[in-house]
Amino acid sequence: MRAIFVQIKCEMGEAYNVARLAADEIEELSELYSTSGQYDLLAKFYLSPDQDTGLFVTERVQTLAGVADTYTLITFNAFVG
């Protein structure tokens, strides 16, 4: 499994609804945080090695009702202290 992080910008007033939908509908979701700044939510997903990241984000995350924009971060290594 590999982790990706997706920042999600929601339509005005929709952040909690988007968070609820993501938690209910996306099994790859590991963690979801509300954030301040340009984006409203930060989601951590674990994808299988054969899953296409772009396809996952465009078909599973961007299609949630209330999502206005996303920014995807692909990770390489996890460092644990």
N, C-alpha and C. Protein backbone atom coordinates (compact mmCIF):
# COMPACT_ATOMS: atom_id res chain seq x y z
N MET A 1 0.84 -1.18 0.00
CA MET A 1 0.00 0.00 0.00
C MET A 1 0.89 1.24 0.00
N ARG A 2 0.43 2.26 -0.69
CA ARG A 2 1.17 3.52 -0.70
C ARG A 2 0.22 4.65 -0.36
N ALA A 3 0.75 5.63 0.34
CA ALA A 3 -0.08 6.74 0.81
C ALA A 3 -0.03 7.90 -0.18
N ILE A 4 -1.19 8.53 -0.36
CA ILE A 4 -1.25 9.81 -1.06
C ILE A 4 -2.06 10.75 -0.17
N PHE A 5 -1.79 12.02 -0.29
CA PHE A 5 -2.54 13.04 0.43
C PHE A 5 -3.24 13.91 -0.59
N VAL A 6 -4.50 14.23 -0.31
CA VAL A 6 -5.26 15.07 -1.22
C VAL A 6 -5.85 16.23 -0.42
N GLN A 7 -5.50 17.45 -0.82
CA GLN A 7 -6.12 18.63 -0.24
C GLN A 7 -7.39 18.89 -1.04
N ILE A 8 -8.47 19.17 -0.35
CA ILE A 8 -9.77 19.33 -0.98
C ILE A 8 -10.34 20.70 -0.67
N LYS A 9 -10.65 21.43 -1.73
CA LYS A 9 -11.35 22.71 -1.59
C LYS A 9 -12.82 22.43 -1.85
N CYS A 10 -13.66 22.88 -0.92
CA CYS A 10 -15.09 22.61 -1.02
C CYS A 10 -15.85 23.86 -1.43
N GLU A 11 -17.04 23.64 -1.98
CA GLU A 11 -17.92 24.76 -2.23
C GLU A 11 -18.30 25.36 -0.88
N MET A 12 -18.65 26.63 -0.88
CA MET A 12 -18.95 27.34 0.37
C MET A 12 -19.99 26.58 1.20
N GLY A 13 -19.65 26.34 2.46
CA GLY A 13 -20.57 25.69 3.38
C GLY A 13 -20.69 24.18 3.24
N GLU A 14 -19.86 23.56 2.44
CA GLU A 14 -20.00 22.13 2.16
C GLU A 14 -18.93 21.23 2.78
N ALA A 15 -17.99 21.79 3.52
CA ALA A 15 -16.86 21.00 4.02
C ALA A 15 -17.31 19.80 4.87
N TYR A 16 -18.25 20.00 5.76
CA TYR A 16 -18.69 18.90 6.62
C TYR A 16 -19.44 17.84 5.82
N ASN A 17 -20.21 18.28 4.84
CA ASN A 17 -20.93 17.32 3.99
C ASN A 17 -19.95 16.51 3.14
N VAL A 18 -18.93 17.17 2.60
CA VAL A 18 -17.92 16.47 1.81
C VAL A 18 -17.17 15.47 2.70
N ALA A 19 -16.82 15.88 3.90
CA ALA A 19 -16.12 14.99 4.83
C ALA A 19 -16.96 13.75 5.13
N ARG A 20 -18.24 13.95 5.35
CA ARG A 20 -19.15 12.84 5.64
C ARG A 20 -19.24 11.88 4.45
N LEU A 21 -19.38 12.44 3.25
CA LEU A 21 -19.45 11.62 2.04
C LEU A 21 -18.17 10.82 1.84
N ALA A 22 -17.04 11.48 2.01
CA ALA A 22 -15.75 10.79 1.83
C ALA A 22 -15.62 9.64 2.80
N ALA A 23 -15.96 9.88 4.06
CA ALA A 23 -15.86 8.84 5.08
C ALA A 23 -16.79 7.67 4.77
N ASP A 24 -17.95 7.96 4.24
CA ASP A 24 -18.94 6.92 3.96
C ASP A 24 -18.67 6.16 2.67
N GLU A 25 -18.08 6.82 1.67
CA GLU A 25 -18.03 6.25 0.33
C GLU A 25 -16.66 5.79 -0.16
N ILE A 26 -15.58 6.25 0.48
CA ILE A 26 -14.25 5.93 -0.05
C ILE A 26 -13.51 5.04 0.95
N GLU A 27 -13.43 3.76 0.64
CA GLU A 27 -12.83 2.79 1.56
C GLU A 27 -11.33 2.99 1.71
N GLU A 28 -10.68 3.60 0.75
CA GLU A 28 -9.23 3.82 0.82
C GLU A 28 -8.86 4.96 1.77
N LEU A 29 -9.85 5.70 2.26
CA LEU A 29 -9.60 6.82 3.17
C LEU A 29 -9.07 6.32 4.50
N SER A 30 -7.95 6.88 4.93
CA SER A 30 -7.35 6.51 6.20
C SER A 30 -7.62 7.59 7.26
N GLU A 31 -7.38 8.85 6.90
CA GLU A 31 -7.56 9.96 7.83
C GLU A 31 -8.09 11.15 7.05
N LEU A 32 -8.87 12.01 7.75
CA LEU A 32 -9.43 13.19 7.12
C LEU A 32 -9.45 14.31 8.13
N TYR A 33 -8.86 15.44 7.79
CA TYR A 33 -8.75 16.58 8.70
C TYR A 33 -9.35 17.82 8.07
N SER A 34 -9.98 18.65 8.88
CA SER A 34 -10.36 19.98 8.43
C SER A 34 -9.12 20.86 8.60
N THR A 35 -8.93 21.79 7.68
CA THR A 35 -7.75 22.64 7.70
C THR A 35 -8.14 24.09 7.44
N SER A 36 -7.21 24.98 7.76
CA SER A 36 -7.41 26.39 7.42
C SER A 36 -6.56 26.70 6.19
N GLY A 37 -6.87 27.79 5.55
CA GLY A 37 -6.09 28.18 4.38
C GLY A 37 -6.84 27.98 3.09
N GLN A 38 -6.12 27.75 2.02
CA GLN A 38 -6.69 27.67 0.69
C GLN A 38 -7.61 26.45 0.51
N TYR A 39 -7.30 25.36 1.21
CA TYR A 39 -8.10 24.13 1.11
C TYR A 39 -8.80 23.87 2.43
N ASP A 40 -9.93 23.19 2.37
CA ASP A 40 -10.76 22.96 3.55
C ASP A 40 -10.49 21.64 4.25
N LEU A 41 -10.07 20.63 3.49
CA LEU A 41 -9.86 19.29 4.04
C LEU A 41 -8.53 18.72 3.56
N LEU A 42 -7.93 17.88 4.38
CA LEU A 42 -6.73 17.13 4.01
C LEU A 42 -7.03 15.66 4.25
N ALA A 43 -6.96 14.88 3.18
CA ALA A 43 -7.30 13.46 3.25
C ALA A 43 -6.06 12.61 2.97
N LYS A 44 -5.93 11.53 3.73
CA LYS A 44 -4.87 10.56 3.50
C LYS A 44 -5.52 9.27 3.01
N PHE A 45 -5.07 8.81 1.86
CA PHE A 45 -5.59 7.59 1.28
C PHE A 45 -4.46 6.58 1.12
N TYR A 46 -4.77 5.32 1.28
CA TYR A 46 -3.83 4.25 0.98
C TYR A 46 -4.32 3.53 -0.27
N LEU A 47 -3.49 3.54 -1.31
CA LEU A 47 -3.83 2.90 -2.57
C LEU A 47 -2.98 1.66 -2.77
N SER A 48 -3.54 0.68 -3.44
CA SER A 48 -2.76 -0.50 -3.78
C SER A 48 -1.76 -0.12 -4.87
N PRO A 49 -0.66 -0.86 -4.98
CA PRO A 49 0.38 -0.52 -5.96
C PRO A 49 -0.12 -0.43 -7.39
N ASP A 50 -1.16 -1.17 -7.72
CA ASP A 50 -1.65 -1.17 -9.10
C ASP A 50 -2.74 -0.12 -9.35
N GLN A 51 -3.17 0.62 -8.32
CA GLN A 51 -4.19 1.65 -8.51
C GLN A 51 -3.58 2.88 -9.16
N ASP A 52 -4.26 3.42 -10.15
CA ASP A 52 -3.84 4.64 -10.83
C ASP A 52 -4.25 5.84 -9.99
N THR A 53 -3.27 6.62 -9.53
CA THR A 53 -3.53 7.75 -8.64
C THR A 53 -4.44 8.78 -9.29
N GLY A 54 -4.13 9.17 -10.52
CA GLY A 54 -4.93 10.17 -11.20
C GLY A 54 -6.37 9.74 -11.39
N LEU A 55 -6.55 8.50 -11.78
CA LEU A 55 -7.89 7.97 -11.98
C LEU A 55 -8.65 7.92 -10.66
N PHE A 56 -7.97 7.50 -9.59
CA PHE A 56 -8.60 7.44 -8.27
C PHE A 56 -9.09 8.83 -7.85
N VAL A 57 -8.22 9.83 -7.97
CA VAL A 57 -8.59 11.18 -7.53
C VAL A 57 -9.72 11.74 -8.39
N THR A 58 -9.61 11.60 -9.70
CA THR A 58 -10.64 12.19 -10.56
C THR A 58 -11.98 11.47 -10.48
N GLU A 59 -11.96 10.16 -10.30
CA GLU A 59 -13.22 9.41 -10.27
C GLU A 59 -13.83 9.26 -8.88
N ARG A 60 -13.01 9.23 -7.83
CA ARG A 60 -13.53 8.94 -6.49
C ARG A 60 -13.59 10.16 -5.58
N VAL A 61 -12.64 11.09 -5.74
CA VAL A 61 -12.61 12.25 -4.84
C VAL A 61 -13.27 13.47 -5.49
N GLN A 62 -12.86 13.81 -6.69
CA GLN A 62 -13.38 15.01 -7.34
C GLN A 62 -14.87 14.92 -7.66
N THR A 63 -15.42 13.72 -7.73
CA THR A 63 -16.83 13.57 -8.06
C THR A 63 -17.75 13.65 -6.83
N LEU A 64 -17.19 13.75 -5.63
CA LEU A 64 -18.03 13.91 -4.45
C LEU A 64 -18.77 15.23 -4.54
N ALA A 65 -20.06 15.22 -4.22
CA ALA A 65 -20.85 16.45 -4.23
C ALA A 65 -20.24 17.47 -3.28
N GLY A 66 -20.04 18.69 -3.76
CA GLY A 66 -19.50 19.76 -2.93
C GLY A 66 -18.01 19.99 -3.08
N VAL A 67 -17.32 19.15 -3.83
CA VAL A 67 -15.88 19.34 -4.07
C VAL A 67 -15.70 20.33 -5.21
N ALA A 68 -14.91 21.38 -4.95
CA ALA A 68 -14.65 22.40 -5.97
C ALA A 68 -13.29 22.22 -6.63
N ASP A 69 -12.29 21.71 -5.87
CA ASP A 69 -10.93 21.59 -6.40
C ASP A 69 -10.15 20.63 -5.51
N THR A 70 -9.09 20.05 -6.07
CA THR A 70 -8.21 19.18 -5.28
C THR A 70 -6.75 19.48 -5.63
N TYR A 71 -5.87 19.11 -4.73
CA TYR A 71 -4.43 19.19 -4.94
C TYR A 71 -3.83 17.91 -4.35
N THR A 72 -3.19 17.12 -5.18
CA THR A 72 -2.70 15.81 -4.77
C THR A 72 -1.20 15.82 -4.49
N LEU A 73 -0.81 15.21 -3.38
CA LEU A 73 0.59 15.03 -3.02
C LEU A 73 0.88 13.54 -3.00
N ILE A 74 1.87 13.14 -3.77
CA ILE A 74 2.29 11.74 -3.79
C ILE A 74 3.48 11.61 -2.86
N THR A 75 3.46 10.61 -2.00
CA THR A 75 4.54 10.44 -1.03
C THR A 75 5.53 9.38 -1.48
N PHE A 76 6.75 9.47 -0.95
CA PHE A 76 7.79 8.52 -1.29
C PHE A 76 8.18 7.64 -0.09
N ASN A 77 8.60 8.27 0.99
CA ASN A 77 9.04 7.52 2.17
C ASN A 77 8.36 8.07 3.41
N ALA A 78 8.07 7.21 4.37
CA ALA A 78 7.56 7.63 5.67
C ALA A 78 8.69 7.53 6.68
N PHE A 79 8.92 8.58 7.41
CA PHE A 79 9.95 8.61 8.43
C PHE A 79 9.29 8.62 9.80
N VAL A 80 9.64 7.67 10.63
CA VAL A 80 9.04 7.54 11.94
C VAL A 80 10.10 7.77 12.99
N GLY A 81 9.77 8.58 13.99
CA GLY A 81 10.74 8.90 15.04
C GLY A 81 10.58 8.07 16.27
